[in-house]
Protein backbone atom coordinates (compact mmCIF):
# COMPACT_ATOMS: atom_id res chain seq x y z
CA UNK A 1 228.42 -78.09 196.47
CA UNK A 2 232.19 -76.81 196.62
CA UNK A 3 231.33 -74.15 198.68
CA UNK A 4 229.93 -76.70 201.31
CA UNK A 5 232.92 -79.11 201.18
CA UNK A 6 235.25 -75.83 201.60
CA UNK A 7 233.16 -74.50 204.37
CA UNK A 8 233.24 -77.99 206.07
CA UNK A 9 237.03 -78.67 205.53
CA UNK A 10 237.67 -74.97 206.92
CA UNK A 11 235.31 -75.65 210.09
CA UNK A 12 236.78 -79.36 210.92
CA UNK A 13 240.44 -77.42 210.53
CA UNK A 14 239.55 -74.93 212.92
CA UNK A 15 238.03 -77.39 215.29
CA UNK A 16 240.74 -79.70 214.96
CA UNK A 17 243.25 -76.75 215.77
CA UNK A 18 241.24 -75.48 218.63
CA UNK A 19 240.79 -78.98 220.40
CA UNK A 20 245.00 -79.10 220.01
CA UNK A 21 245.37 -75.87 222.03
CA UNK A 22 242.86 -76.65 224.53
CA UNK A 23 244.08 -79.48 225.79
CA UNK A 24 245.53 -79.85 229.46
CA UNK A 25 249.00 -80.57 230.39
CA UNK A 26 250.04 -84.13 231.62
CA UNK A 27 252.10 -83.53 234.59
CA UNK A 28 251.95 -87.00 235.64
CA UNK A 29 255.63 -88.83 235.95
CA UNK A 30 258.85 -88.58 237.50
CA UNK A 31 260.66 -84.94 236.72
CA UNK A 32 264.26 -84.10 237.54
CA UNK A 33 265.05 -80.76 238.41
CA UNK A 34 267.87 -79.59 236.28
CA UNK A 35 267.94 -75.44 237.17
CA UNK A 36 266.46 -73.09 239.20
CA UNK A 37 266.38 -69.21 239.06
CA UNK A 38 265.06 -67.27 241.97
CA UNK A 39 264.27 -63.68 241.54
CA UNK A 40 264.35 -61.46 245.07
CA UNK A 41 264.20 -57.49 244.67
CA UNK A 42 265.40 -57.65 241.31
CA UNK A 43 268.50 -59.55 241.97
CA UNK A 44 268.53 -63.29 240.02
CA UNK A 45 270.28 -66.30 241.18
CA UNK A 46 270.72 -69.72 238.97
CA UNK A 47 271.33 -73.06 240.44
CA UNK A 48 272.32 -75.87 238.55
CA UNK A 49 271.23 -78.75 239.98
CA UNK A 50 273.16 -81.18 238.26
CA UNK A 51 276.38 -80.71 239.87
CA UNK A 52 276.15 -81.29 243.56
CA UNK A 53 272.81 -81.91 244.36
CA UNK A 54 269.93 -84.04 242.85
CA UNK A 55 265.96 -83.36 242.92
CA UNK A 56 263.34 -85.18 241.68
CA UNK A 57 259.48 -84.34 241.60
CA UNK A 58 256.86 -86.94 241.29
CA UNK A 59 253.53 -86.07 240.38
CA UNK A 60 250.30 -88.45 240.00
CA UNK A 61 246.72 -87.88 239.53
CA UNK A 62 246.18 -85.59 242.75
CA UNK A 63 249.35 -85.07 244.44
CA UNK A 64 253.14 -84.15 244.05
CA UNK A 65 256.22 -85.25 246.25
CA UNK A 66 259.49 -83.63 245.79
CA UNK A 67 262.92 -85.56 247.01
CA UNK A 68 266.55 -83.76 247.32
CA UNK A 69 269.86 -84.37 248.37
CA UNK A 70 273.36 -84.03 248.12
CA UNK A 71 275.47 -85.93 245.63
CA UNK A 72 278.77 -85.64 247.12
CA UNK A 73 277.87 -85.48 250.85
CA UNK A 74 279.72 -87.01 254.13
CA UNK A 75 278.84 -90.31 254.90
CA UNK A 76 277.55 -89.06 258.39
CA UNK A 77 274.27 -86.84 258.98
CA UNK A 78 276.21 -83.87 257.55
CA UNK A 79 274.29 -85.19 254.29
CA UNK A 80 271.61 -82.46 253.64
CA UNK A 81 268.00 -83.84 252.63
CA UNK A 82 265.13 -82.53 251.76
CA UNK A 83 261.43 -83.75 250.75
CA UNK A 84 257.52 -82.42 250.79
CA UNK A 85 254.86 -82.97 249.07
CA UNK A 86 250.79 -82.89 249.03
CA UNK A 87 247.87 -82.27 246.85
CA UNK A 88 247.87 -79.94 243.83
CA UNK A 89 245.26 -78.44 241.43
CA UNK A 90 245.76 -78.00 237.75
CA UNK A 91 243.53 -75.66 235.81
CA UNK A 92 244.84 -75.03 232.08
CA UNK A 93 248.48 -73.87 233.12
CA UNK A 94 247.89 -72.88 236.51
CA UNK A 95 249.58 -75.15 239.09
CA UNK A 96 248.81 -74.54 242.56
CA UNK A 97 250.90 -77.07 244.86
CA UNK A 98 249.25 -77.37 248.82
CA UNK A 99 252.41 -78.10 250.64
CA UNK A 100 250.92 -80.68 253.32
CA UNK A 101 254.46 -82.14 254.31
CA UNK A 102 257.39 -80.40 254.82
CA UNK A 103 260.33 -80.70 257.50
CA UNK A 104 260.20 -76.84 258.12
CA UNK A 105 256.15 -76.38 259.59
CA UNK A 106 256.45 -72.39 258.33
CA UNK A 107 255.84 -73.78 255.17
CA UNK A 108 253.21 -76.47 255.62
CA UNK A 109 249.42 -75.80 254.83
CA UNK A 110 250.74 -73.06 252.23
CA UNK A 111 249.59 -72.82 248.53
CA UNK A 112 252.09 -71.93 245.89
CA UNK A 113 250.87 -71.12 242.61
CA UNK A 114 252.78 -71.54 239.44
CA UNK A 115 252.43 -70.99 235.77
CA UNK A 116 253.75 -74.23 233.89
CA UNK A 117 254.46 -75.36 230.43
CA UNK A 118 255.94 -78.44 228.72
CA UNK A 119 258.42 -78.00 225.72
CA UNK A 120 259.46 -81.70 224.58
CA UNK A 121 260.59 -83.59 227.52
CA UNK A 122 261.01 -79.83 229.82
CA UNK A 123 258.54 -78.56 232.36
CA UNK A 124 258.82 -75.07 233.07
CA UNK A 125 257.17 -73.91 236.25
CA UNK A 126 257.20 -70.27 237.25
CA UNK A 127 255.56 -68.42 240.15
CA UNK A 128 255.46 -66.69 243.23
CA UNK A 129 257.31 -68.24 246.66
CA UNK A 130 256.27 -66.46 249.59
CA UNK A 131 256.50 -67.72 253.25
CA UNK A 132 256.28 -65.00 255.54
CA UNK A 133 257.20 -66.46 258.33
CA UNK A 134 260.45 -67.26 256.76
CA UNK A 135 260.91 -63.77 255.02
CA UNK A 136 260.53 -65.51 251.77
CA UNK A 137 259.17 -63.39 248.56
CA UNK A 138 260.68 -64.39 245.40
CA UNK A 139 259.85 -65.43 242.03
CA UNK A 140 261.19 -68.92 241.24
CA UNK A 141 261.52 -70.53 237.60
CA UNK A 142 262.13 -74.14 237.76
CA UNK A 143 263.38 -76.18 234.81
CA UNK A 144 262.66 -80.32 234.89
CA UNK A 145 263.35 -83.11 232.55
CA UNK A 146 261.12 -86.17 232.37
CA UNK A 147 262.78 -89.09 233.56
CA UNK A 148 261.77 -92.42 231.83
């Protein structure tokens, strides 16, 4: 009887652990970009998105959108504003954005696949950003914090 109980408890604990590690990520929400690293031909560049600009990404069940602007821009048309969005897919930790809307048509219609992870309130997104018509071929690592 004790052996059956121990076996049952071990199996229950194993299934419980397996269920927790197999859970899918929940990306829904509004995220603020705090830092971005680009690696081009082995050269890294880090951008702090908390100083002179602000960018948020909004993710729902099927779509994402991002909005970025300068924090200390002139009041005239020199203000740089950037936005885009589209559908996405998420399978495990593989997140693919399908950029359906963007001001630069060379970027539209392209899929961008990333590995994503969430640690506490931080979303980390890493992957290849490649747009041949723009001469862009780089790895990007972005860190976002969830806005409440």
